[in-house]
Amino acid sequence: MNTDFVNLTTENLVNEHLCCIIRSKKLHQGIEAKRQWLSDRLKEGHVFRKLNVKAPVFIEYAPLETAWVPITGDNYYYLYCLWSSQKGKGYGKLLMEYCLADAKERGKSGICMLGAKKQKAWLSDQLFAKKFGFEVVDSTDNGYELLALSFDGTRPKFAENAKKQEIESKELTIYYDMQCPFVYERIELIKQYCEINDVLVSFIQVDTLQKAKELPCVFNNWGVFYKGKFETVNLLDVAYLKRILKK
């Protein structure tokens, strides 16, 4: 097994690939946007650890206090993403174990992550997390769950504003940040579809920690509203967008 892992730092960030979308030569605007986003987050204790191969095998987490999510709790890590495209080789286990060991070494109270009663395509595998002892500690009325592995009995929770799940605007509204390199291309796809089909759409960039903590919905890097109601944290393709617009 290849165990050559690399942690991104402010020094190597420019030269290391970011796993999700592999590009060796041609610049990708989503990747460069994430690279810029990470340049500030790494100074806040954000961790991006990857297998040193050109494949999506990585974990990404941050102190909950500086994680761009509407979740409250003291002294936790928030797990944004754990992804291994090389199934069956144990890399996911190694990455999770690294996060657990890091949390314990730094005296953290635990680790938490966003999940759902029904697994969402753009969220980390919650069944995998539950094998390590993660359990549901909070939930929303529409089926999203906060999973946590507590070391000291404390529990994080969704901020009250995250459970609101309503906004005044009735048009298609998408909150986003640049934490995920796929966000840029999905915005361009949705803009194009909405322009061609005369659909009103608003994109609201979450560009500060305060905005993220005050969001009216659960959030990992993306949140969709339509007719004033929260729809999903999943990044949209055209087929999914059409289903939402039919409501």
C-alpha atoms as a PDB file:
ATOM      1  CA  MET A   1       0.000   0.000   0.000  1.00  0.00           C
ATOM      2  CA  ASN A   2       1.195   3.492  -0.870  1.00  0.00           C
ATOM      3  CA  THR A   3       1.349   5.469   2.394  1.00  0.00           C
ATOM      4  CA  ASP A   4       2.955   8.582   0.961  1.00  0.00           C
ATOM      5  CA  PHE A   5       0.573  11.247   2.306  1.00  0.00           C
ATOM      6  CA  VAL A   6       1.019  15.010   2.054  1.00  0.00           C
ATOM      7  CA  ASN A   7      -0.533  17.793   4.132  1.00  0.00           C
ATOM      8  CA  LEU A   8      -1.066  21.052   2.304  1.00  0.00           C
ATOM      9  CA  THR A   9       0.731  24.057   3.774  1.00  0.00           C
ATOM     10  CA  THR A  10       1.014  27.706   2.832  1.00  0.00           C
ATOM     11  CA  GLU A  11       4.430  26.804   1.403  1.00  0.00           C
ATOM     12  CA  ASN A  12       3.420  23.891  -0.856  1.00  0.00           C
ATOM     13  CA  LEU A  13      -0.141  24.987  -1.709  1.00  0.00           C
ATOM     14  CA  VAL A  14       0.838  26.565  -5.026  1.00  0.00           C
ATOM     15  CA  ASN A  15       2.478  23.427  -6.397  1.00  0.00           C
ATOM     16  CA  GLU A  16       0.366  20.578  -5.008  1.00  0.00           C
ATOM     17  CA  HIS A  17      -2.747  19.318  -6.816  1.00  0.00           C
ATOM     18  CA  LEU A  18      -6.018  19.461  -4.877  1.00  0.00           C
ATOM     19  CA  CYS A  19      -7.317  15.956  -5.641  1.00  0.00           C
ATOM     20  CA  CYS A  20     -10.972  16.671  -6.486  1.00  0.00           C
ATOM     21  CA  ILE A  21     -10.260  17.834 -10.034  1.00  0.00           C
ATOM     22  CA  ILE A  22      -6.867  16.814 -11.371  1.00  0.00           C
ATOM     23  CA  ARG A  23      -5.162  19.235 -13.754  1.00  0.00           C
ATOM     24  CA  SER A  24      -1.477  18.997 -14.666  1.00  0.00           C
ATOM     25  CA  LYS A  25      -1.138  21.922 -17.084  1.00  0.00           C
ATOM     26  CA  LYS A  26      -4.304  23.825 -17.988  1.00  0.00           C
ATOM     27  CA  LEU A  27      -5.593  26.084 -15.222  1.00  0.00           C
ATOM     28  CA  HIS A  28      -9.030  25.283 -13.804  1.00  0.00           C
ATOM     29  CA  GLN A  29     -10.897  28.253 -12.337  1.00  0.00           C
ATOM     30  CA  GLY A  30     -12.589  26.159  -9.649  1.00  0.00           C
ATOM     31  CA  ILE A  31      -9.268  24.785  -8.469  1.00  0.00           C
ATOM     32  CA  GLU A  32      -7.637  28.193  -8.413  1.00  0.00           C
ATOM     33  CA  ALA A  33     -10.604  29.621  -6.477  1.00  0.00           C
ATOM     34  CA  LYS A  34     -10.257  26.849  -3.908  1.00  0.00           C
ATOM     35  CA  ARG A  35      -6.513  27.361  -3.723  1.00  0.00           C
ATOM     36  CA  GLN A  36      -7.138  31.008  -2.862  1.00  0.00           C
ATOM     37  CA  TRP A  37      -9.780  30.048  -0.289  1.00  0.00           C
ATOM     38  CA  LEU A  38      -7.375  27.571   1.314  1.00  0.00           C
ATOM     39  CA  SER A  39      -4.547  30.084   1.501  1.00  0.00           C
ATOM     40  CA  ASP A  40      -6.369  31.838   4.336  1.00  0.00           C
ATOM     41  CA  ARG A  41      -7.974  28.772   5.909  1.00  0.00           C
ATOM     42  CA  LEU A  42      -4.684  26.928   6.429  1.00  0.00           C
ATOM     43  CA  LYS A  43      -3.586  29.712   8.763  1.00  0.00           C
ATOM     44  CA  GLU A  44      -6.674  28.972  10.881  1.00  0.00           C
ATOM     45  CA  GLY A  45      -5.810  25.312  11.461  1.00  0.00           C
ATOM     46  CA  HIS A  46      -7.611  23.916   8.396  1.00  0.00           C
ATOM     47  CA  VAL A  47      -6.202  20.518   7.374  1.00  0.00           C
ATOM     48  CA  PHE A  48      -6.112  19.106   3.839  1.00  0.00           C
ATOM     49  CA  ARG A  49      -4.313  15.749   3.768  1.00  0.00           C
ATOM     50  CA  LYS A  50      -4.027  13.701   0.580  1.00  0.00           C
ATOM     51  CA  LEU A  51      -2.402  10.629  -0.830  1.00  0.00           C
ATOM     52  CA  ASN A  52       0.530  11.688  -2.996  1.00  0.00           C
ATOM     53  CA  VAL A  53      -0.949  10.338  -6.229  1.00  0.00           C
ATOM     54  CA  LYS A  54      -3.004  12.006  -8.951  1.00  0.00           C
ATOM     55  CA  ALA A  55      -6.315  10.679  -7.689  1.00  0.00           C
ATOM     56  CA  PRO A  56      -9.049  11.871  -5.296  1.00  0.00           C
ATOM     57  CA  VAL A  57      -7.863  10.383  -2.011  1.00  0.00           C
ATOM     58  CA  PHE A  58      -8.017  12.975   0.755  1.00  0.00           C
ATOM     59  CA  ILE A  59      -9.540  14.291   3.966  1.00  0.00           C
ATOM     60  CA  GLU A  60     -10.371  17.892   4.762  1.00  0.00           C
ATOM     61  CA  TYR A  61     -11.306  19.229   8.185  1.00  0.00           C
ATOM     62  CA  ALA A  62     -11.022  22.343  10.352  1.00  0.00           C
ATOM     63  CA  PRO A  63     -11.603  23.641  13.878  1.00  0.00           C
ATOM     64  CA  LEU A  64     -15.367  24.046  14.226  1.00  0.00           C
ATOM     65  CA  GLU A  65     -14.930  27.604  15.465  1.00  0.00           C
ATOM     66  CA  THR A  66     -13.450  28.620  12.088  1.00  0.00           C
ATOM     67  CA  ALA A  67     -15.301  26.105   9.878  1.00  0.00           C
ATOM     68  CA  TRP A  68     -17.641  27.768   7.387  1.00  0.00           C
ATOM     69  CA  VAL A  69     -20.759  25.934   8.556  1.00  0.00           C
ATOM     70  CA  PRO A  70     -23.742  26.973  10.755  1.00  0.00           C
ATOM     71  CA  ILE A  71     -22.853  24.559  13.541  1.00  0.00           C
ATOM     72  CA  THR A  72     -22.015  25.487  17.104  1.00  0.00           C
ATOM     73  CA  GLY A  73     -19.852  23.670  19.610  1.00  0.00           C
ATOM     74  CA  ASP A  74     -16.681  24.061  21.597  1.00  0.00           C
ATOM     75  CA  ASN A  75     -13.321  22.546  20.743  1.00  0.00           C
ATOM     76  CA  TYR A  76     -14.468  20.259  17.920  1.00  0.00           C
ATOM     77  CA  TYR A  77     -13.116  19.506  14.478  1.00  0.00           C
ATOM     78  CA  TYR A  78     -15.552  19.754  11.574  1.00  0.00           C
ATOM     79  CA  LEU A  79     -15.041  17.161   8.819  1.00  0.00           C
ATOM     80  CA  TYR A  80     -15.846  18.736   5.450  1.00  0.00           C
ATOM     81  CA  CYS A  81     -14.926  15.891   3.170  1.00  0.00           C
ATOM     82  CA  LEU A  82     -13.413  12.399   3.190  1.00  0.00           C
ATOM     83  CA  TRP A  83     -13.087  10.907  -0.267  1.00  0.00           C
ATOM     84  CA  SER A  84     -11.174   7.944  -1.641  1.00  0.00           C
ATOM     85  CA  SER A  85     -11.559   6.960  -5.271  1.00  0.00           C
ATOM     86  CA  GLN A  86      -9.354   3.914  -4.659  1.00  0.00           C
ATOM     87  CA  LYS A  87     -11.859   1.657  -2.932  1.00  0.00           C
ATOM     88  CA  GLY A  88     -10.848  -1.379  -0.929  1.00  0.00           C
ATOM     89  CA  LYS A  89      -7.282  -0.271  -0.258  1.00  0.00           C
ATOM     90  CA  GLY A  90      -7.816   1.101   3.240  1.00  0.00           C
ATOM     91  CA  TYR A  91      -7.004   4.721   2.430  1.00  0.00           C
ATOM     92  CA  GLY A  92     -10.275   6.042   3.856  1.00  0.00           C
ATOM     93  CA  LYS A  93      -9.532   4.250   7.126  1.00  0.00           C
ATOM     94  CA  LEU A  94      -6.002   5.672   7.276  1.00  0.00           C
ATOM     95  CA  LEU A  95      -7.260   9.200   6.649  1.00  0.00           C
ATOM     96  CA  MET A  96      -9.993   8.963   9.281  1.00  0.00           C
ATOM     97  CA  GLU A  97      -7.547   7.514  11.791  1.00  0.00           C
ATOM     98  CA  TYR A  98      -5.196  10.418  11.112  1.00  0.00           C
ATOM     99  CA  CYS A  99      -7.998  12.904  11.832  1.00  0.00           C
ATOM    100  CA  LEU A 100      -8.931  11.088  15.053  1.00  0.00           C
ATOM    101  CA  ALA A 101      -5.321  10.971  16.227  1.00  0.00           C
ATOM    102  CA  ASP A 102      -4.831  14.646  15.373  1.00  0.00           C
ATOM    103  CA  ALA A 103      -7.963  15.604  17.314  1.00  0.00           C
ATOM    104  CA  LYS A 104      -6.900  13.648  20.382  1.00  0.00           C
ATOM    105  CA  GLU A 105      -3.334  14.957  20.252  1.00  0.00           C
ATOM    106  CA  ARG A 106      -4.640  18.530  20.197  1.00  0.00           C
ATOM    107  CA  GLY A 107      -7.054  17.891  23.061  1.00  0.00           C
ATOM    108  CA  LYS A 108     -10.192  18.289  20.979  1.00  0.00           C
ATOM    109  CA  SER A 109     -13.573  17.349  22.388  1.00  0.00           C
ATOM    110  CA  GLY A 110     -14.502  15.442  19.250  1.00  0.00           C
ATOM    111  CA  ILE A 111     -15.217  15.541  15.536  1.00  0.00           C
ATOM    112  CA  CYS A 112     -18.476  16.295  13.747  1.00  0.00           C
ATOM    113  CA  MET A 113     -19.781  16.192  10.179  1.00  0.00           C
ATOM    114  CA  LEU A 114     -22.921  16.817   8.157  1.00  0.00           C
ATOM    115  CA  GLY A 115     -25.039  13.817   7.224  1.00  0.00           C
ATOM    116  CA  ALA A 116     -28.608  12.909   6.346  1.00  0.00           C
ATOM    117  CA  LYS A 117     -31.129  10.162   6.974  1.00  0.00           C
ATOM    118  CA  LYS A 118     -30.668   9.268   3.305  1.00  0.00           C
ATOM    119  CA  GLN A 119     -27.041   9.519   2.127  1.00  0.00           C
ATOM    120  CA  LYS A 120     -26.438  12.590  -0.041  1.00  0.00           C
ATOM    121  CA  ALA A 121     -24.132  12.330  -3.040  1.00  0.00           C
ATOM    122  CA  TRP A 122     -22.011  15.339  -2.058  1.00  0.00           C
ATOM    123  CA  LEU A 123     -21.579  14.422   1.608  1.00  0.00           C
ATOM    124  CA  SER A 124     -19.017  12.051   3.131  1.00  0.00           C
ATOM    125  CA  ASP A 125     -20.118   8.461   3.714  1.00  0.00           C
ATOM    126  CA  GLN A 126     -21.905   8.544   7.047  1.00  0.00           C
ATOM    127  CA  LEU A 127     -22.127   4.743   7.355  1.00  0.00           C
ATOM    128  CA  PHE A 128     -18.349   4.655   7.138  1.00  0.00           C
ATOM    129  CA  ALA A 129     -18.122   7.333   9.841  1.00  0.00           C
ATOM    130  CA  LYS A 130     -20.490   5.424  12.112  1.00  0.00           C
ATOM    131  CA  LYS A 131     -18.062   2.489  12.088  1.00  0.00           C
ATOM    132  CA  PHE A 132     -15.683   4.765  13.996  1.00  0.00           C
ATOM    133  CA  GLY A 133     -18.323   5.681  16.574  1.00  0.00           C
ATOM    134  CA  PHE A 134     -19.963   8.738  15.030  1.00  0.00           C
ATOM    135  CA  GLU A 135     -23.601   9.093  16.027  1.00  0.00           C
ATOM    136  CA  VAL A 136     -26.470  11.472  15.295  1.00  0.00           C
ATOM    137  CA  VAL A 137     -26.527  14.351  17.806  1.00  0.00           C
ATOM    138  CA  ASP A 138     -28.880  16.804  16.081  1.00  0.00           C
ATOM    139  CA  SER A 139     -31.235  16.875  13.105  1.00  0.00           C
ATOM    140  CA  THR A 140     -33.466  19.122  11.012  1.00  0.00           C
ATOM    141  CA  ASP A 141     -37.105  18.637  10.065  1.00  0.00           C
ATOM    142  CA  ASN A 142     -36.168  17.761   6.479  1.00  0.00           C
ATOM    143  CA  GLY A 143     -33.834  14.893   7.243  1.00  0.00           C
ATOM    144  CA  TYR A 144     -30.360  16.397   7.607  1.00  0.00           C
ATOM    145  CA  GLU A 145     -28.336  15.181  10.553  1.00  0.00           C
ATOM    146  CA  LEU A 146     -25.304  16.268  12.507  1.00  0.00           C
ATOM    147  CA  LEU A 147     -23.045  13.342  13.296  1.00  0.00           C
ATOM    148  CA  ALA A 148     -20.426  13.550  16.021  1.00  0.00           C
ATOM    149  CA  LEU A 149     -17.794  11.447  17.700  1.00  0.00           C
ATOM    150  CA  SER A 150     -17.415  12.886  21.189  1.00  0.00           C
ATOM    151  CA  PHE A 151     -14.379  12.226  23.367  1.00  0.00           C
ATOM    152  CA  ASP A 152     -15.720  13.969  26.465  1.00  0.00           C
ATOM    153  CA  GLY A 153     -19.520  13.694  26.344  1.00  0.00           C
ATOM    154  CA  THR A 154     -20.123  17.166  24.917  1.00  0.00           C
ATOM    155  CA  ARG A 155     -22.242  17.593  21.778  1.00  0.00           C
ATOM    156  CA  PRO A 156     -22.188  20.170  19.002  1.00  0.00           C
ATOM    157  CA  LYS A 157     -25.478  21.221  17.391  1.00  0.00           C
ATOM    158  CA  PHE A 158     -26.913  23.018  14.399  1.00  0.00           C
ATOM    159  CA  ALA A 159     -27.226  26.766  14.921  1.00  0.00           C
ATOM    160  CA  GLU A 160     -30.878  27.753  15.319  1.00  0.00           C
ATOM    161  CA  ASN A 161     -30.727  29.794  12.110  1.00  0.00           C
ATOM    162  CA  ALA A 162     -29.674  26.652  10.204  1.00  0.00           C
ATOM    163  CA  LYS A 163     -32.996  25.049  11.094  1.00  0.00           C
ATOM    164  CA  LYS A 164     -35.013  27.937   9.692  1.00  0.00           C
ATOM    165  CA  GLN A 165     -34.840  26.556   6.135  1.00  0.00           C
ATOM    166  CA  GLU A 166     -36.835  29.459   4.714  1.00  0.00           C
ATOM    167  CA  ILE A 167     -36.021  32.757   3.037  1.00  0.00           C
ATOM    168  CA  GLU A 168     -38.233  35.591   1.807  1.00  0.00           C
ATOM    169  CA  SER A 169     -37.203  35.363  -1.844  1.00  0.00           C
ATOM    170  CA  LYS A 170     -39.264  32.952  -3.956  1.00  0.00           C
ATOM    171  CA  GLU A 171     -36.817  32.716  -6.849  1.00  0.00           C
ATOM    172  CA  LEU A 172     -34.149  30.076  -7.185  1.00  0.00           C
ATOM    173  CA  THR A 173     -31.465  31.090  -4.682  1.00  0.00           C
ATOM    174  CA  ILE A 174     -28.110  29.435  -4.187  1.00  0.00           C
ATOM    175  CA  TYR A 175     -25.710  30.108  -1.332  1.00  0.00           C
ATOM    176  CA  TYR A 176     -22.157  28.974  -2.014  1.00  0.00           C
ATOM    177  CA  ASP A 177     -18.538  29.348  -1.018  1.00  0.00           C
ATOM    178  CA  MET A 178     -15.374  28.375  -2.872  1.00  0.00           C
ATOM    179  CA  GLN A 179     -14.414  25.481  -0.596  1.00  0.00           C
ATOM    180  CA  CYS A 180     -15.246  22.934  -3.305  1.00  0.00           C
ATOM    181  CA  PRO A 181     -13.558  23.207  -6.723  1.00  0.00           C
ATOM    182  CA  PHE A 182     -16.695  21.865  -8.428  1.00  0.00           C
ATOM    183  CA  VAL A 183     -18.705  24.918  -7.316  1.00  0.00           C
ATOM    184  CA  TYR A 184     -17.415  27.251 -10.021  1.00  0.00           C
ATOM    185  CA  GLU A 185     -18.419  25.014 -12.934  1.00  0.00           C
ATOM    186  CA  ARG A 186     -21.830  24.232 -11.407  1.00  0.00           C
ATOM    187  CA  ILE A 187     -22.567  27.942 -11.083  1.00  0.00           C
ATOM    188  CA  GLU A 188     -21.690  28.459 -14.747  1.00  0.00           C
ATOM    189  CA  LEU A 189     -23.895  25.514 -15.766  1.00  0.00           C
ATOM    190  CA  ILE A 190     -26.869  26.802 -13.777  1.00  0.00           C
ATOM    191  CA  LYS A 191     -26.424  30.359 -15.044  1.00  0.00           C
ATOM    192  CA  GLN A 192     -26.457  29.127 -18.627  1.00  0.00           C
ATOM    193  CA  TYR A 193     -29.569  26.981 -18.127  1.00  0.00           C
ATOM    194  CA  CYS A 194     -31.454  29.746 -16.337  1.00  0.00           C
ATOM    195  CA  GLU A 195     -30.576  32.339 -18.979  1.00  0.00           C
ATOM    196  CA  ILE A 196     -31.775  30.093 -21.813  1.00  0.00           C
ATOM    197  CA  ASN A 197     -34.980  29.145 -19.988  1.00  0.00           C
ATOM    198  CA  ASP A 198     -35.811  32.556 -18.440  1.00  0.00           C
ATOM    199  CA  VAL A 199     -35.475  31.317 -14.860  1.00  0.00           C
ATOM    200  CA  LEU A 200     -34.734  33.947 -12.251  1.00  0.00           C
ATOM    201  CA  VAL A 201     -31.778  32.921 -10.106  1.00  0.00           C
ATOM    202  CA  SER A 202     -29.715  34.583  -7.395  1.00  0.00           C
ATOM    203  CA  PHE A 203     -26.254  33.445  -6.349  1.00  0.00           C
ATOM    204  CA  ILE A 204     -25.148  34.558  -2.888  1.00  0.00           C
ATOM    205  CA  GLN A 205     -21.473  34.033  -2.138  1.00  0.00           C
ATOM    206  CA  VAL A 206     -20.667  33.142   1.437  1.00  0.00           C
ATOM    207  CA  ASP A 207     -17.345  34.948   1.678  1.00  0.00           C
ATOM    208  CA  THR A 208     -16.894  35.404   5.422  1.00  0.00           C
ATOM    209  CA  LEU A 209     -17.049  33.166   8.464  1.00  0.00           C
ATOM    210  CA  GLN A 210     -19.854  35.269   9.937  1.00  0.00           C
ATOM    211  CA  LYS A 211     -22.037  34.799   6.850  1.00  0.00           C
ATOM    212  CA  ALA A 212     -21.467  31.053   7.021  1.00  0.00           C
ATOM    213  CA  LYS A 213     -22.402  30.836  10.681  1.00  0.00           C
ATOM    214  CA  GLU A 214     -25.597  32.840  10.071  1.00  0.00           C
ATOM    215  CA  LEU A 215     -26.932  30.869   7.089  1.00  0.00           C
ATOM    216  CA  PRO A 216     -30.639  29.910   7.122  1.00  0.00           C
ATOM    217  CA  CYS A 217     -29.927  26.281   6.226  1.00  0.00           C
ATOM    218  CA  VAL A 218     -27.473  23.441   6.730  1.00  0.00           C
ATOM    219  CA  PHE A 219     -24.397  23.967   4.590  1.00  0.00           C
ATOM    220  CA  ASN A 220     -21.189  22.220   3.596  1.00  0.00           C
ATOM    221  CA  ASN A 221     -20.290  24.653   0.781  1.00  0.00           C
ATOM    222  CA  TRP A 222     -23.611  24.906  -1.104  1.00  0.00           C
ATOM    223  CA  GLY A 223     -27.292  25.441  -0.279  1.00  0.00           C
ATOM    224  CA  VAL A 224     -30.296  25.710  -2.628  1.00  0.00           C
ATOM    225  CA  PHE A 225     -33.656  27.416  -2.015  1.00  0.00           C
ATOM    226  CA  TYR A 226     -36.708  27.554  -4.288  1.00  0.00           C
ATOM    227  CA  LYS A 227     -40.052  29.244  -3.607  1.00  0.00           C
ATOM    228  CA  GLY A 228     -38.613  30.282  -0.264  1.00  0.00           C
ATOM    229  CA  LYS A 229     -37.965  26.703   0.867  1.00  0.00           C
ATOM    230  CA  PHE A 230     -34.633  24.966   1.379  1.00  0.00           C
ATOM    231  CA  GLU A 231     -34.041  22.164  -1.116  1.00  0.00           C
ATOM    232  CA  THR A 232     -30.583  20.600  -0.874  1.00  0.00           C
ATOM    233  CA  VAL A 233     -26.864  20.848  -0.127  1.00  0.00           C
ATOM    234  CA  ASN A 234     -26.137  18.818  -3.274  1.00  0.00           C
ATOM    235  CA  LEU A 235     -24.404  20.548  -6.159  1.00  0.00           C
ATOM    236  CA  LEU A 236     -26.899  20.646  -9.021  1.00  0.00           C
ATOM    237  CA  ASP A 237     -26.747  19.196 -12.493  1.00  0.00           C
ATOM    238  CA  VAL A 238     -29.397  20.094 -15.081  1.00  0.00           C
ATOM    239  CA  ALA A 239     -31.578  17.048 -14.351  1.00  0.00           C
ATOM    240  CA  TYR A 240     -31.672  17.821 -10.610  1.00  0.00           C
ATOM    241  CA  LEU A 241     -32.347  21.499 -11.318  1.00  0.00           C
ATOM    242  CA  LYS A 242     -35.295  20.608 -13.554  1.00  0.00           C
ATOM    243  CA  ARG A 243     -36.819  18.472 -10.791  1.00  0.00           C
ATOM    244  CA  ILE A 244     -36.611  21.360  -8.343  1.00  0.00           C
ATOM    245  CA  LEU A 245     -38.128  23.851 -10.788  1.00  0.00           C
ATOM    246  CA  LYS A 246     -41.128  21.587 -11.396  1.00  0.00           C
ATOM    247  CA  LYS A 247     -42.224  21.994  -7.760  1.00  0.00           C
END
